[in-house]
């Protein structure tokens, strides 16, 4: 299964609509996960013309309610437990492990977490968990300038999961960059 990952679209605050380039990046996806800061249901409606949508409620999504949105989403796909939330803060203080933190957030362990909020795309592997922030298609980078940004792809097939970031400006693919020195697990190869 191929899953399109998107976050921080901020429609209509940062753009009138989701850039058409997102449709190109998501042309072969079976499902879309939006990690919040949607701001208007029409953004989810547009994405749903590509594939079914599940969304997390972001900290700017207080003007509307939508049955596709929940503050925390838990999705089971082909044996992988995926947790999705808008704001993820790495629990560096207090000695909490990621799995302990996620058990609190997601009522149990997760294999993959999808999150947003920072507008900065990243793919990390820590403590046995694949963590993906697809960035923002409308306001990329830490300075949150306006322009074409990024989305992500999560591919789950034959018991393996793989993720990458796509620049929607030129459809260039960015492979994962790792901050720690943990070995890449077999199930993610």
C-alpha atoms as a PDB file:
ATOM      1  CA  UNK A   1       0.000   0.000   0.000  1.00  0.00           C
ATOM      2  CA  UNK A   2       1.285   3.446  -0.912  1.00  0.00           C
ATOM      3  CA  UNK A   3       0.281   6.282   1.416  1.00  0.00           C
ATOM      4  CA  UNK A   4       0.563  10.008   0.731  1.00  0.00           C
ATOM      5  CA  UNK A   5       1.704  12.048   3.736  1.00  0.00           C
ATOM      6  CA  UNK A   6       0.912  15.742   4.079  1.00  0.00           C
ATOM      7  CA  UNK A   7       0.805  18.276   6.916  1.00  0.00           C
ATOM      8  CA  UNK A   8       0.491  22.002   7.508  1.00  0.00           C
ATOM      9  CA  UNK A   9      -1.391  22.892   4.325  1.00  0.00           C
ATOM     10  CA  UNK A  10      -2.968  25.931   6.063  1.00  0.00           C
ATOM     11  CA  UNK A  11      -5.714  26.509   3.477  1.00  0.00           C
ATOM     12  CA  UNK A  12      -6.619  29.404   2.940  1.00  0.00           C
ATOM     13  CA  UNK A  13      -4.212  31.210   5.298  1.00  0.00           C
ATOM     14  CA  UNK A  14      -1.002  30.356   3.403  1.00  0.00           C
ATOM     15  CA  UNK A  15      -2.493  29.426   0.025  1.00  0.00           C
ATOM     16  CA  UNK A  16      -5.952  29.557  -1.544  1.00  0.00           C
ATOM     17  CA  UNK A  17      -5.805  25.844  -2.302  1.00  0.00           C
ATOM     18  CA  UNK A  18      -3.474  22.891  -2.115  1.00  0.00           C
ATOM     19  CA  UNK A  19      -0.942  23.165  -4.960  1.00  0.00           C
ATOM     20  CA  UNK A  20      -1.773  20.995  -7.977  1.00  0.00           C
ATOM     21  CA  UNK A  21       1.766  19.598  -7.743  1.00  0.00           C
ATOM     22  CA  UNK A  22       0.592  17.574  -4.739  1.00  0.00           C
ATOM     23  CA  UNK A  23      -1.685  15.624  -7.089  1.00  0.00           C
ATOM     24  CA  UNK A  24       1.367  14.679  -9.186  1.00  0.00           C
ATOM     25  CA  UNK A  25       3.269  13.498  -6.114  1.00  0.00           C
ATOM     26  CA  UNK A  26       0.258  11.492  -4.903  1.00  0.00           C
ATOM     27  CA  UNK A  27      -0.807  10.020  -8.267  1.00  0.00           C
ATOM     28  CA  UNK A  28      -0.277   6.397  -7.187  1.00  0.00           C
ATOM     29  CA  UNK A  29      -1.345   6.550  -3.516  1.00  0.00           C
ATOM     30  CA  UNK A  30      -4.082   4.387  -2.006  1.00  0.00           C
ATOM     31  CA  UNK A  31      -4.604   6.535   1.106  1.00  0.00           C
ATOM     32  CA  UNK A  32      -3.681  10.040   2.296  1.00  0.00           C
ATOM     33  CA  UNK A  33      -2.754  10.876   5.885  1.00  0.00           C
ATOM     34  CA  UNK A  34      -2.896  14.596   6.756  1.00  0.00           C
ATOM     35  CA  UNK A  35      -1.071  15.434  10.004  1.00  0.00           C
ATOM     36  CA  UNK A  36      -3.015  18.605  10.781  1.00  0.00           C
ATOM     37  CA  UNK A  37      -3.197  22.362  10.333  1.00  0.00           C
ATOM     38  CA  UNK A  38      -5.665  21.922   7.505  1.00  0.00           C
ATOM     39  CA  UNK A  39      -7.831  24.940   8.437  1.00  0.00           C
ATOM     40  CA  UNK A  40     -10.694  24.266   5.988  1.00  0.00           C
ATOM     41  CA  UNK A  41     -12.577  21.112   5.050  1.00  0.00           C
ATOM     42  CA  UNK A  42     -12.220  21.989   1.357  1.00  0.00           C
ATOM     43  CA  UNK A  43      -8.548  20.968   1.595  1.00  0.00           C
ATOM     44  CA  UNK A  44      -9.570  17.479   2.722  1.00  0.00           C
ATOM     45  CA  UNK A  45     -12.291  17.381   0.048  1.00  0.00           C
ATOM     46  CA  UNK A  46      -9.709  18.181  -2.638  1.00  0.00           C
ATOM     47  CA  UNK A  47      -7.308  15.516  -1.339  1.00  0.00           C
ATOM     48  CA  UNK A  48     -10.169  13.017  -1.290  1.00  0.00           C
ATOM     49  CA  UNK A  49     -10.454  13.357  -5.086  1.00  0.00           C
ATOM     50  CA  UNK A  50      -7.083  11.552  -5.134  1.00  0.00           C
ATOM     51  CA  UNK A  51      -7.580   8.924  -2.389  1.00  0.00           C
ATOM     52  CA  UNK A  52      -9.410   8.407   0.919  1.00  0.00           C
ATOM     53  CA  UNK A  53      -8.208  10.793   3.661  1.00  0.00           C
ATOM     54  CA  UNK A  54      -7.587  10.391   7.382  1.00  0.00           C
ATOM     55  CA  UNK A  55      -6.500  13.511   9.286  1.00  0.00           C
ATOM     56  CA  UNK A  56      -5.175  14.609  12.651  1.00  0.00           C
ATOM     57  CA  UNK A  57      -6.509  17.826  14.144  1.00  0.00           C
ATOM     58  CA  UNK A  58      -3.854  20.540  14.189  1.00  0.00           C
ATOM     59  CA  UNK A  59      -3.436  23.480  16.531  1.00  0.00           C
ATOM     60  CA  UNK A  60      -4.962  25.751  13.838  1.00  0.00           C
ATOM     61  CA  UNK A  61      -7.965  23.526  13.107  1.00  0.00           C
ATOM     62  CA  UNK A  62     -10.357  25.015  15.652  1.00  0.00           C
ATOM     63  CA  UNK A  63     -12.736  26.682  13.167  1.00  0.00           C
ATOM     64  CA  UNK A  64     -14.317  23.498  11.834  1.00  0.00           C
ATOM     65  CA  UNK A  65     -15.077  19.893  12.644  1.00  0.00           C
ATOM     66  CA  UNK A  66     -14.866  17.053  10.187  1.00  0.00           C
ATOM     67  CA  UNK A  67     -15.497  13.319  10.665  1.00  0.00           C
ATOM     68  CA  UNK A  68     -12.175  12.597   8.919  1.00  0.00           C
ATOM     69  CA  UNK A  69     -10.288  14.427  11.707  1.00  0.00           C
ATOM     70  CA  UNK A  70      -9.348  13.400  15.238  1.00  0.00           C
ATOM     71  CA  UNK A  71      -6.691  14.788  17.558  1.00  0.00           C
ATOM     72  CA  UNK A  72      -4.972  11.400  17.592  1.00  0.00           C
ATOM     73  CA  UNK A  73      -5.332   8.809  14.837  1.00  0.00           C
ATOM     74  CA  UNK A  74      -4.309   5.161  15.035  1.00  0.00           C
ATOM     75  CA  UNK A  75      -4.245   3.264  11.762  1.00  0.00           C
ATOM     76  CA  UNK A  76      -3.349  -0.420  11.351  1.00  0.00           C
ATOM     77  CA  UNK A  77      -2.017  -1.251   7.904  1.00  0.00           C
ATOM     78  CA  UNK A  78      -0.549  -4.618   6.931  1.00  0.00           C
ATOM     79  CA  UNK A  79       0.674  -5.337  10.453  1.00  0.00           C
ATOM     80  CA  UNK A  80       2.092  -1.865  11.115  1.00  0.00           C
ATOM     81  CA  UNK A  81       0.523   0.284  13.825  1.00  0.00           C
ATOM     82  CA  UNK A  82       0.702   3.898  12.667  1.00  0.00           C
ATOM     83  CA  UNK A  83       0.091   6.769  15.063  1.00  0.00           C
ATOM     84  CA  UNK A  84      -0.657  10.234  13.701  1.00  0.00           C
ATOM     85  CA  UNK A  85      -0.672  13.461  15.679  1.00  0.00           C
ATOM     86  CA  UNK A  86      -0.029  17.079  14.743  1.00  0.00           C
ATOM     87  CA  UNK A  87       2.453  18.189  17.409  1.00  0.00           C
ATOM     88  CA  UNK A  88       5.166  15.738  18.410  1.00  0.00           C
ATOM     89  CA  UNK A  89       7.774  16.764  20.938  1.00  0.00           C
ATOM     90  CA  UNK A  90      10.631  14.328  21.403  1.00  0.00           C
ATOM     91  CA  UNK A  91      10.621  13.366  25.110  1.00  0.00           C
ATOM     92  CA  UNK A  92      14.277  14.168  25.797  1.00  0.00           C
ATOM     93  CA  UNK A  93      13.682  15.246  29.381  1.00  0.00           C
ATOM     94  CA  UNK A  94      12.335  13.125  32.170  1.00  0.00           C
ATOM     95  CA  UNK A  95      13.809   9.851  30.973  1.00  0.00           C
ATOM     96  CA  UNK A  96      10.730   8.742  29.028  1.00  0.00           C
ATOM     97  CA  UNK A  97      11.350   6.299  26.227  1.00  0.00           C
ATOM     98  CA  UNK A  98       9.588   6.926  22.937  1.00  0.00           C
ATOM     99  CA  UNK A  99       7.504   3.781  23.368  1.00  0.00           C
ATOM    100  CA  UNK A 100       6.411   4.936  26.836  1.00  0.00           C
ATOM    101  CA  UNK A 101       5.522   8.361  25.419  1.00  0.00           C
ATOM    102  CA  UNK A 102       3.590   6.787  22.536  1.00  0.00           C
ATOM    103  CA  UNK A 103       1.786   4.378  24.844  1.00  0.00           C
ATOM    104  CA  UNK A 104       0.431   7.469  26.596  1.00  0.00           C
ATOM    105  CA  UNK A 105      -0.495   9.234  23.335  1.00  0.00           C
ATOM    106  CA  UNK A 106      -1.703   6.229  21.326  1.00  0.00           C
ATOM    107  CA  UNK A 107      -2.806   3.770  24.043  1.00  0.00           C
ATOM    108  CA  UNK A 108      -0.121   1.308  23.021  1.00  0.00           C
ATOM    109  CA  UNK A 109       3.093   0.942  21.064  1.00  0.00           C
ATOM    110  CA  UNK A 110       3.433   2.186  17.495  1.00  0.00           C
ATOM    111  CA  UNK A 111       5.724   1.173  14.650  1.00  0.00           C
ATOM    112  CA  UNK A 112       5.411   4.422  12.703  1.00  0.00           C
ATOM    113  CA  UNK A 113       4.468   7.970  13.699  1.00  0.00           C
ATOM    114  CA  UNK A 114       3.329  10.672  11.287  1.00  0.00           C
ATOM    115  CA  UNK A 115       3.384  14.256  12.576  1.00  0.00           C
ATOM    116  CA  UNK A 116       3.593  17.877  11.433  1.00  0.00           C
ATOM    117  CA  UNK A 117       3.671  21.358  12.993  1.00  0.00           C
ATOM    118  CA  UNK A 118       7.273  22.365  12.187  1.00  0.00           C
ATOM    119  CA  UNK A 119       6.861  22.618   8.386  1.00  0.00           C
ATOM    120  CA  UNK A 120      10.284  20.920   8.184  1.00  0.00           C
ATOM    121  CA  UNK A 121      10.372  17.521   6.469  1.00  0.00           C
ATOM    122  CA  UNK A 122      12.281  14.802   8.264  1.00  0.00           C
ATOM    123  CA  UNK A 123      12.494  11.048   8.482  1.00  0.00           C
ATOM    124  CA  UNK A 124      14.021   9.576  11.622  1.00  0.00           C
ATOM    125  CA  UNK A 125      14.408   6.126  13.118  1.00  0.00           C
ATOM    126  CA  UNK A 126      14.653   6.032  16.889  1.00  0.00           C
ATOM    127  CA  UNK A 127      14.063   3.257  19.411  1.00  0.00           C
ATOM    128  CA  UNK A 128      12.565   1.015  16.751  1.00  0.00           C
ATOM    129  CA  UNK A 129      10.075   3.633  15.522  1.00  0.00           C
ATOM    130  CA  UNK A 130       9.958   5.201  12.061  1.00  0.00           C
ATOM    131  CA  UNK A 131       9.036   8.890  12.479  1.00  0.00           C
ATOM    132  CA  UNK A 132       7.997  10.987   9.469  1.00  0.00           C
ATOM    133  CA  UNK A 133       7.182  14.673   9.202  1.00  0.00           C
ATOM    134  CA  UNK A 134       6.290  15.380   5.546  1.00  0.00           C
ATOM    135  CA  UNK A 135       6.824  19.137   5.929  1.00  0.00           C
ATOM    136  CA  UNK A 136       4.376  21.595   4.362  1.00  0.00           C
ATOM    137  CA  UNK A 137       3.308  21.846   0.713  1.00  0.00           C
ATOM    138  CA  UNK A 138       2.542  25.578   1.039  1.00  0.00           C
ATOM    139  CA  UNK A 139       5.069  26.957   3.523  1.00  0.00           C
ATOM    140  CA  UNK A 140       8.295  24.957   3.644  1.00  0.00           C
ATOM    141  CA  UNK A 141      11.156  25.188   6.057  1.00  0.00           C
ATOM    142  CA  UNK A 142      11.729  26.479   9.551  1.00  0.00           C
ATOM    143  CA  UNK A 143      11.219  30.108   8.463  1.00  0.00           C
ATOM    144  CA  UNK A 144       7.835  29.163   6.983  1.00  0.00           C
ATOM    145  CA  UNK A 145       8.188  31.221   3.814  1.00  0.00           C
ATOM    146  CA  UNK A 146       5.466  30.903   1.208  1.00  0.00           C
ATOM    147  CA  UNK A 147       6.104  28.689  -1.780  1.00  0.00           C
ATOM    148  CA  UNK A 148       6.059  25.108  -2.942  1.00  0.00           C
ATOM    149  CA  UNK A 149       7.269  22.718  -0.287  1.00  0.00           C
ATOM    150  CA  UNK A 150       7.142  19.013   0.446  1.00  0.00           C
ATOM    151  CA  UNK A 151       4.979  15.963   0.984  1.00  0.00           C
ATOM    152  CA  UNK A 152       5.913  12.433   1.977  1.00  0.00           C
ATOM    153  CA  UNK A 153       5.281   8.921   0.778  1.00  0.00           C
ATOM    154  CA  UNK A 154       5.035   5.846   2.992  1.00  0.00           C
ATOM    155  CA  UNK A 155       5.179   2.550   1.145  1.00  0.00           C
ATOM    156  CA  UNK A 156       4.129  -0.586   3.037  1.00  0.00           C
ATOM    157  CA  UNK A 157       4.557  -3.804   1.123  1.00  0.00           C
ATOM    158  CA  UNK A 158       5.322  -7.425   2.035  1.00  0.00           C
ATOM    159  CA  UNK A 159       5.984  -6.645   5.698  1.00  0.00           C
ATOM    160  CA  UNK A 160       8.366  -3.790   4.945  1.00  0.00           C
ATOM    161  CA  UNK A 161       7.897  -0.041   5.315  1.00  0.00           C
ATOM    162  CA  UNK A 162       9.805   2.644   3.442  1.00  0.00           C
ATOM    163  CA  UNK A 163       9.344   6.409   3.450  1.00  0.00           C
ATOM    164  CA  UNK A 164      10.706   9.336   1.485  1.00  0.00           C
ATOM    165  CA  UNK A 165      10.113  13.058   1.040  1.00  0.00           C
ATOM    166  CA  UNK A 166       9.079  14.605  -2.290  1.00  0.00           C
ATOM    167  CA  UNK A 167       9.749  18.226  -3.225  1.00  0.00           C
ATOM    168  CA  UNK A 168       6.550  19.211  -5.015  1.00  0.00           C
ATOM    169  CA  UNK A 169       8.362  22.007  -6.834  1.00  0.00           C
ATOM    170  CA  UNK A 170      10.421  19.611  -8.959  1.00  0.00           C
ATOM    171  CA  UNK A 171       9.157  16.154  -7.822  1.00  0.00           C
ATOM    172  CA  UNK A 172      12.685  15.396  -6.554  1.00  0.00           C
ATOM    173  CA  UNK A 173      12.825  12.568  -4.029  1.00  0.00           C
ATOM    174  CA  UNK A 174      14.800  12.913  -0.812  1.00  0.00           C
ATOM    175  CA  UNK A 175      15.871   9.722   0.919  1.00  0.00           C
ATOM    176  CA  UNK A 176      15.875   9.451   4.710  1.00  0.00           C
ATOM    177  CA  UNK A 177      18.572  11.224   6.685  1.00  0.00           C
ATOM    178  CA  UNK A 178      19.301   9.834  10.119  1.00  0.00           C
ATOM    179  CA  UNK A 179      20.269  11.839  13.162  1.00  0.00           C
ATOM    180  CA  UNK A 180      21.242   8.876  15.319  1.00  0.00           C
ATOM    181  CA  UNK A 181      23.497   5.916  14.628  1.00  0.00           C
ATOM    182  CA  UNK A 182      20.995   3.128  15.130  1.00  0.00           C
ATOM    183  CA  UNK A 183      21.126   0.486  12.445  1.00  0.00           C
ATOM    184  CA  UNK A 184      18.315   0.489   9.922  1.00  0.00           C
ATOM    185  CA  UNK A 185      16.067  -2.425  10.907  1.00  0.00           C
ATOM    186  CA  UNK A 186      15.345  -5.295   8.557  1.00  0.00           C
ATOM    187  CA  UNK A 187      11.591  -4.621   8.468  1.00  0.00           C
ATOM    188  CA  UNK A 188      12.257  -1.152   6.999  1.00  0.00           C
ATOM    189  CA  UNK A 189      14.692  -2.214   4.260  1.00  0.00           C
END
